[in-house]
C-alpha atoms as a PDB file:
ATOM      1  CA  UNK A   1      -0.010   0.044  -0.158  1.00  0.00           C
ATOM      2  CA  UNK A   2       2.660   2.384   0.800  1.00  0.00           C
ATOM      3  CA  UNK A   3       4.576   1.551  -2.688  1.00  0.00           C
ATOM      4  CA  UNK A   4       3.736   4.791  -3.937  1.00  0.00           C
ATOM      5  CA  UNK A   5       5.191   6.978  -1.011  1.00  0.00           C
ATOM      6  CA  UNK A   6       8.527   7.528  -2.531  1.00  0.00           C
ATOM      7  CA  UNK A   7       7.127   9.057  -5.659  1.00  0.00           C
ATOM      8  CA  UNK A   8       5.295  11.791  -3.432  1.00  0.00           C
ATOM      9  CA  UNK A   9       8.423  12.710  -1.514  1.00  0.00           C
ATOM     10  CA  UNK A  10      10.418  14.094  -4.511  1.00  0.00           C
ATOM     11  CA  UNK A  11      10.358  18.159  -3.936  1.00  0.00           C
ATOM     12  CA  UNK A  12       9.872  19.378  -7.584  1.00  0.00           C
ATOM     13  CA  UNK A  13      12.197  22.144  -8.499  1.00  0.00           C
ATOM     14  CA  UNK A  14      11.222  25.484 -10.469  1.00  0.00           C
ATOM     15  CA  UNK A  15      12.192  25.348 -14.076  1.00  0.00           C
ATOM     16  CA  UNK A  16      14.071  29.033 -13.247  1.00  0.00           C
ATOM     17  CA  UNK A  17      15.944  27.318 -10.281  1.00  0.00           C
ATOM     18  CA  UNK A  18      17.437  24.573 -12.149  1.00  0.00           C
ATOM     19  CA  UNK A  19      20.657  23.947 -12.980  1.00  0.00           C
ATOM     20  CA  UNK A  20      20.036  23.173 -16.645  1.00  0.00           C
ATOM     21  CA  UNK A  21      18.139  26.567 -17.482  1.00  0.00           C
ATOM     22  CA  UNK A  22      20.522  28.918 -15.258  1.00  0.00           C
ATOM     23  CA  UNK A  23      23.535  27.755 -17.414  1.00  0.00           C
ATOM     24  CA  UNK A  24      21.631  27.765 -20.836  1.00  0.00           C
ATOM     25  CA  UNK A  25      20.911  31.492 -20.166  1.00  0.00           C
ATOM     26  CA  UNK A  26      24.254  32.653 -19.094  1.00  0.00           C
ATOM     27  CA  UNK A  27      25.588  30.522 -22.175  1.00  0.00           C
ATOM     28  CA  UNK A  28      23.315  32.104 -24.618  1.00  0.00           C
ATOM     29  CA  UNK A  29      23.453  35.768 -22.602  1.00  0.00           C
ATOM     30  CA  UNK A  30      27.267  35.152 -23.223  1.00  0.00           C
ATOM     31  CA  UNK A  31      26.759  34.535 -26.648  1.00  0.00           C
ATOM     32  CA  UNK A  32      24.525  37.310 -27.393  1.00  0.00           C
ATOM     33  CA  UNK A  33      26.867  39.809 -25.959  1.00  0.00           C
ATOM     34  CA  UNK A  34      29.783  38.318 -28.462  1.00  0.00           C
ATOM     35  CA  UNK A  35      27.357  38.587 -31.616  1.00  0.00           C
ATOM     36  CA  UNK A  36      26.707  42.002 -31.011  1.00  0.00           C
ATOM     37  CA  UNK A  37      30.460  42.929 -31.469  1.00  0.00           C
ATOM     38  CA  UNK A  38      30.174  41.450 -35.035  1.00  0.00           C
ATOM     39  CA  UNK A  39      27.822  44.164 -35.750  1.00  0.00           C
ATOM     40  CA  UNK A  40      28.156  47.864 -36.498  1.00  0.00           C
ATOM     41  CA  UNK A  41      29.027  49.868 -32.912  1.00  0.00           C
ATOM     42  CA  UNK A  42      29.697  53.096 -33.893  1.00  0.00           C
ATOM     43  CA  UNK A  43      29.203  55.143 -37.205  1.00  0.00           C
ATOM     44  CA  UNK A  44      31.886  57.842 -38.058  1.00  0.00           C
ATOM     45  CA  UNK A  45      31.507  60.710 -40.688  1.00  0.00           C
ATOM     46  CA  UNK A  46      34.368  61.691 -40.889  1.00  0.00           C
ATOM     47  CA  UNK A  47      35.497  65.476 -41.277  1.00  0.00           C
ATOM     48  CA  UNK A  48      36.826  66.673 -44.280  1.00  0.00           C
ATOM     49  CA  UNK A  49      40.571  67.415 -43.820  1.00  0.00           C
ATOM     50  CA  UNK A  50      43.796  66.880 -45.702  1.00  0.00           C
ATOM     51  CA  UNK A  51      42.450  63.698 -47.198  1.00  0.00           C
ATOM     52  CA  UNK A  52      39.148  63.108 -48.637  1.00  0.00           C
ATOM     53  CA  UNK A  53      37.472  60.000 -46.400  1.00  0.00           C
ATOM     54  CA  UNK A  54      33.932  58.093 -46.636  1.00  0.00           C
ATOM     55  CA  UNK A  55      31.906  57.535 -43.709  1.00  0.00           C
ATOM     56  CA  UNK A  56      33.385  54.670 -41.502  1.00  0.00           C
ATOM     57  CA  UNK A  57      31.087  51.556 -39.775  1.00  0.00           C
ATOM     58  CA  UNK A  58      33.085  50.023 -36.881  1.00  0.00           C
ATOM     59  CA  UNK A  59      32.128  47.123 -35.546  1.00  0.00           C
ATOM     60  CA  UNK A  60      32.111  46.459 -32.021  1.00  0.00           C
ATOM     61  CA  UNK A  61      34.868  43.508 -32.457  1.00  0.00           C
ATOM     62  CA  UNK A  62      37.100  46.800 -33.019  1.00  0.00           C
ATOM     63  CA  UNK A  63      35.650  49.589 -31.303  1.00  0.00           C
ATOM     64  CA  UNK A  64      35.899  47.345 -28.125  1.00  0.00           C
ATOM     65  CA  UNK A  65      38.181  44.556 -28.231  1.00  0.00           C
ATOM     66  CA  UNK A  66      37.511  44.058 -24.565  1.00  0.00           C
ATOM     67  CA  UNK A  67      34.052  43.047 -24.943  1.00  0.00           C
ATOM     68  CA  UNK A  68      34.855  40.421 -27.361  1.00  0.00           C
ATOM     69  CA  UNK A  69      37.504  38.858 -24.810  1.00  0.00           C
ATOM     70  CA  UNK A  70      35.183  39.444 -21.681  1.00  0.00           C
ATOM     71  CA  UNK A  71      31.981  37.482 -23.584  1.00  0.00           C
ATOM     72  CA  UNK A  72      34.606  34.720 -24.485  1.00  0.00           C
ATOM     73  CA  UNK A  73      35.817  34.288 -20.553  1.00  0.00           C
ATOM     74  CA  UNK A  74      32.354  34.131 -19.250  1.00  0.00           C
ATOM     75  CA  UNK A  75      30.946  31.990 -22.242  1.00  0.00           C
ATOM     76  CA  UNK A  76      34.041  29.646 -20.727  1.00  0.00           C
ATOM     77  CA  UNK A  77      33.313  30.099 -17.075  1.00  0.00           C
ATOM     78  CA  UNK A  78      29.402  29.554 -17.695  1.00  0.00           C
ATOM     79  CA  UNK A  79      30.429  25.869 -19.654  1.00  0.00           C
ATOM     80  CA  UNK A  80      32.987  25.318 -16.678  1.00  0.00           C
ATOM     81  CA  UNK A  81      30.288  25.762 -14.378  1.00  0.00           C
ATOM     82  CA  UNK A  82      27.949  23.040 -15.721  1.00  0.00           C
ATOM     83  CA  UNK A  83      30.344  20.537 -14.339  1.00  0.00           C
ATOM     84  CA  UNK A  84      31.852  22.141 -11.337  1.00  0.00           C
ATOM     85  CA  UNK A  85      31.601  21.098  -7.870  1.00  0.00           C
ATOM     86  CA  UNK A  86      30.424  23.321  -5.201  1.00  0.00           C
ATOM     87  CA  UNK A  87      33.866  25.216  -4.532  1.00  0.00           C
ATOM     88  CA  UNK A  88      34.712  25.449  -8.040  1.00  0.00           C
ATOM     89  CA  UNK A  89      31.201  26.530  -9.027  1.00  0.00           C
ATOM     90  CA  UNK A  90      31.293  29.698  -6.949  1.00  0.00           C
ATOM     91  CA  UNK A  91      34.847  30.608  -8.509  1.00  0.00           C
ATOM     92  CA  UNK A  92      33.629  30.027 -11.917  1.00  0.00           C
ATOM     93  CA  UNK A  93      30.483  31.740 -11.349  1.00  0.00           C
ATOM     94  CA  UNK A  94      32.169  34.969 -10.144  1.00  0.00           C
ATOM     95  CA  UNK A  95      34.578  34.676 -13.331  1.00  0.00           C
ATOM     96  CA  UNK A  96      31.004  34.799 -15.341  1.00  0.00           C
ATOM     97  CA  UNK A  97      29.616  37.836 -12.939  1.00  0.00           C
ATOM     98  CA  UNK A  98      33.051  40.053 -12.979  1.00  0.00           C
ATOM     99  CA  UNK A  99      32.774  39.720 -17.005  1.00  0.00           C
ATOM    100  CA  UNK A 100      29.428  40.932 -17.100  1.00  0.00           C
ATOM    101  CA  UNK A 101      30.329  43.668 -15.288  1.00  0.00           C
ATOM    102  CA  UNK A 102      33.360  44.515 -16.906  1.00  0.00           C
ATOM    103  CA  UNK A 103      31.365  44.387 -20.428  1.00  0.00           C
ATOM    104  CA  UNK A 104      28.901  46.822 -18.938  1.00  0.00           C
ATOM    105  CA  UNK A 105      31.468  49.484 -17.914  1.00  0.00           C
ATOM    106  CA  UNK A 106      33.487  48.976 -20.969  1.00  0.00           C
ATOM    107  CA  UNK A 107      30.263  49.610 -23.314  1.00  0.00           C
ATOM    108  CA  UNK A 108      29.190  52.341 -21.087  1.00  0.00           C
ATOM    109  CA  UNK A 109      32.351  54.197 -21.620  1.00  0.00           C
ATOM    110  CA  UNK A 110      31.922  53.977 -25.248  1.00  0.00           C
ATOM    111  CA  UNK A 111      28.434  55.053 -25.483  1.00  0.00           C
ATOM    112  CA  UNK A 112      29.720  58.301 -23.028  1.00  0.00           C
ATOM    113  CA  UNK A 113      32.406  59.246 -25.694  1.00  0.00           C
ATOM    114  CA  UNK A 114      31.943  57.178 -29.197  1.00  0.00           C
ATOM    115  CA  UNK A 115      34.648  59.515 -30.557  1.00  0.00           C
ATOM    116  CA  UNK A 116      37.202  58.379 -28.443  1.00  0.00           C
ATOM    117  CA  UNK A 117      36.411  54.730 -29.132  1.00  0.00           C
ATOM    118  CA  UNK A 118      36.419  55.630 -33.248  1.00  0.00           C
ATOM    119  CA  UNK A 119      39.782  57.636 -32.838  1.00  0.00           C
ATOM    120  CA  UNK A 120      42.328  54.470 -33.588  1.00  0.00           C
ATOM    121  CA  UNK A 121      40.018  53.191 -36.409  1.00  0.00           C
ATOM    122  CA  UNK A 122      39.654  56.973 -37.918  1.00  0.00           C
ATOM    123  CA  UNK A 123      43.000  57.435 -37.686  1.00  0.00           C
ATOM    124  CA  UNK A 124      44.086  54.048 -39.406  1.00  0.00           C
ATOM    125  CA  UNK A 125      41.514  54.748 -42.071  1.00  0.00           C
ATOM    126  CA  UNK A 126      42.623  58.461 -42.684  1.00  0.00           C
ATOM    127  CA  UNK A 127      46.394  57.920 -42.083  1.00  0.00           C
ATOM    128  CA  UNK A 128      46.147  61.286 -39.944  1.00  0.00           C
ATOM    129  CA  UNK A 129      46.219  60.735 -36.040  1.00  0.00           C
ATOM    130  CA  UNK A 130      43.715  63.170 -34.252  1.00  0.00           C
ATOM    131  CA  UNK A 131      41.348  63.280 -37.429  1.00  0.00           C
ATOM    132  CA  UNK A 132      38.286  65.094 -36.303  1.00  0.00           C
ATOM    133  CA  UNK A 133      34.964  62.956 -36.853  1.00  0.00           C
ATOM    134  CA  UNK A 134      31.387  62.757 -35.770  1.00  0.00           C
ATOM    135  CA  UNK A 135      30.851  59.434 -34.128  1.00  0.00           C
ATOM    136  CA  UNK A 136      27.684  58.304 -33.000  1.00  0.00           C
ATOM    137  CA  UNK A 137      26.569  54.740 -31.601  1.00  0.00           C
ATOM    138  CA  UNK A 138      23.930  52.030 -32.983  1.00  0.00           C
ATOM    139  CA  UNK A 139      21.526  50.307 -31.044  1.00  0.00           C
ATOM    140  CA  UNK A 140      24.080  47.230 -30.639  1.00  0.00           C
ATOM    141  CA  UNK A 141      26.282  48.400 -27.847  1.00  0.00           C
ATOM    142  CA  UNK A 142      22.733  48.965 -25.945  1.00  0.00           C
ATOM    143  CA  UNK A 143      22.058  45.671 -26.886  1.00  0.00           C
ATOM    144  CA  UNK A 144      25.337  44.344 -25.443  1.00  0.00           C
ATOM    145  CA  UNK A 145      24.221  46.037 -22.474  1.00  0.00           C
ATOM    146  CA  UNK A 146      20.882  44.311 -21.962  1.00  0.00           C
ATOM    147  CA  UNK A 147      22.893  40.815 -22.416  1.00  0.00           C
ATOM    148  CA  UNK A 148      25.230  41.369 -19.754  1.00  0.00           C
ATOM    149  CA  UNK A 149      22.839  42.068 -17.375  1.00  0.00           C
ATOM    150  CA  UNK A 150      20.920  38.983 -18.181  1.00  0.00           C
ATOM    151  CA  UNK A 151      24.385  37.131 -17.704  1.00  0.00           C
ATOM    152  CA  UNK A 152      25.329  39.078 -14.658  1.00  0.00           C
ATOM    153  CA  UNK A 153      21.876  37.973 -13.133  1.00  0.00           C
ATOM    154  CA  UNK A 154      22.065  34.429 -14.216  1.00  0.00           C
ATOM    155  CA  UNK A 155      25.300  33.988 -12.397  1.00  0.00           C
ATOM    156  CA  UNK A 156      23.912  35.791  -9.265  1.00  0.00           C
ATOM    157  CA  UNK A 157      20.975  33.284  -9.644  1.00  0.00           C
ATOM    158  CA  UNK A 158      23.461  29.903  -9.865  1.00  0.00           C
ATOM    159  CA  UNK A 159      25.497  31.205  -6.682  1.00  0.00           C
ATOM    160  CA  UNK A 160      22.144  31.471  -4.892  1.00  0.00           C
ATOM    161  CA  UNK A 161      20.237  28.532  -6.055  1.00  0.00           C
ATOM    162  CA  UNK A 162      23.661  26.601  -6.971  1.00  0.00           C
ATOM    163  CA  UNK A 163      24.161  25.740  -2.866  1.00  0.00           C
ATOM    164  CA  UNK A 164      20.991  23.090  -3.088  1.00  0.00           C
ATOM    165  CA  UNK A 165      22.465  21.693  -6.331  1.00  0.00           C
ATOM    166  CA  UNK A 166      23.162  17.941  -5.437  1.00  0.00           C
ATOM    167  CA  UNK A 167      22.476  14.537  -7.353  1.00  0.00           C
ATOM    168  CA  UNK A 168      20.899  13.643  -4.068  1.00  0.00           C
ATOM    169  CA  UNK A 169      18.347  16.568  -4.173  1.00  0.00           C
ATOM    170  CA  UNK A 170      18.171  17.625  -7.913  1.00  0.00           C
ATOM    171  CA  UNK A 171      16.913  14.467  -9.359  1.00  0.00           C
ATOM    172  CA  UNK A 172      13.957  12.684  -8.233  1.00  0.00           C
ATOM    173  CA  UNK A 173      15.013   9.516  -9.613  1.00  0.00           C
ATOM    174  CA  UNK A 174      17.780   9.064  -7.331  1.00  0.00           C
ATOM    175  CA  UNK A 175      14.965   9.257  -4.562  1.00  0.00           C
ATOM    176  CA  UNK A 176      12.481   7.058  -6.534  1.00  0.00           C
ATOM    177  CA  UNK A 177      14.740   4.181  -7.034  1.00  0.00           C
ATOM    178  CA  UNK A 178      13.641   1.403  -5.065  1.00  0.00           C
ATOM    179  CA  UNK A 179      15.747   0.307  -2.066  1.00  0.00           C
ATOM    180  CA  UNK A 180      16.991  -3.004  -3.309  1.00  0.00           C
ATOM    181  CA  UNK A 181      18.296  -1.289  -6.293  1.00  0.00           C
ATOM    182  CA  UNK A 182      21.873  -0.735  -6.695  1.00  0.00           C
ATOM    183  CA  UNK A 183      22.062   3.118  -7.191  1.00  0.00           C
ATOM    184  CA  UNK A 184      24.970   4.242  -8.415  1.00  0.00           C
ATOM    185  CA  UNK A 185      25.653   7.847  -7.863  1.00  0.00           C
ATOM    186  CA  UNK A 186      25.812   9.819 -11.108  1.00  0.00           C
ATOM    187  CA  UNK A 187      27.765  12.664 -11.326  1.00  0.00           C
ATOM    188  CA  UNK A 188      27.376  15.759 -13.681  1.00  0.00           C
ATOM    189  CA  UNK A 189      29.450  14.585 -16.801  1.00  0.00           C
ATOM    190  CA  UNK A 190      27.382  11.348 -16.839  1.00  0.00           C
ATOM    191  CA  UNK A 191      24.357  13.484 -17.002  1.00  0.00           C
ATOM    192  CA  UNK A 192      25.495  15.323 -20.014  1.00  0.00           C
ATOM    193  CA  UNK A 193      26.802  11.780 -21.640  1.00  0.00           C
ATOM    194  CA  UNK A 194      23.206  10.441 -21.104  1.00  0.00           C
ATOM    195  CA  UNK A 195      21.842  13.941 -22.870  1.00  0.00           C
ATOM    196  CA  UNK A 196      24.161  13.755 -25.857  1.00  0.00           C
ATOM    197  CA  UNK A 197      23.136  10.144 -26.660  1.00  0.00           C
ATOM    198  CA  UNK A 198      19.324  11.354 -26.709  1.00  0.00           C
ATOM    199  CA  UNK A 199      18.688   9.344 -23.119  1.00  0.00           C
ATOM    200  CA  UNK A 200      16.656  11.061 -20.367  1.00  0.00           C
ATOM    201  CA  UNK A 201      18.820  11.190 -17.050  1.00  0.00           C
ATOM    202  CA  UNK A 202      16.020  11.220 -14.621  1.00  0.00           C
ATOM    203  CA  UNK A 203      14.137   8.308 -16.037  1.00  0.00           C
END
């Protein structure tokens, strides 16, 4: 009569607290930041000086090299967090958060003074250092900030909810296993391997 009790004791974890959800959110946010750097961040109307030069469209990868680097660091940190233990997860998540904060700081500087951010590219294009220009930003730096904020929030959520992440409390299958069954602990790497093979690790 009590054979169904183990199934009722498992606590369902909301999807927005799950490890897979938060890691995926962080990965997508980091990729979104990097994706914006492939687009035009600054449009420059070069002043007519000693040489005639057409207007320039500067991508984020050149206007803000640090943003591309920080996005890749955050992406690596998010992926490492997916297989890290409790202590290592704190370190990798902190790296992700600091990367997100750095991205926001760099992009805010570009939005505040796009002409300064474009100066190097303008000088390379015109051959004149300090060439006057009228620089304006596009929507992509703003989108980079939005994605970086999402990245930072995801990192904070991982730090908060990650305290309770463990094989024993996260997966209901481990709790619902029959007492006589030889339940062998399955680590995160095994879970990912099962998913890659199209298997359900909670089955």
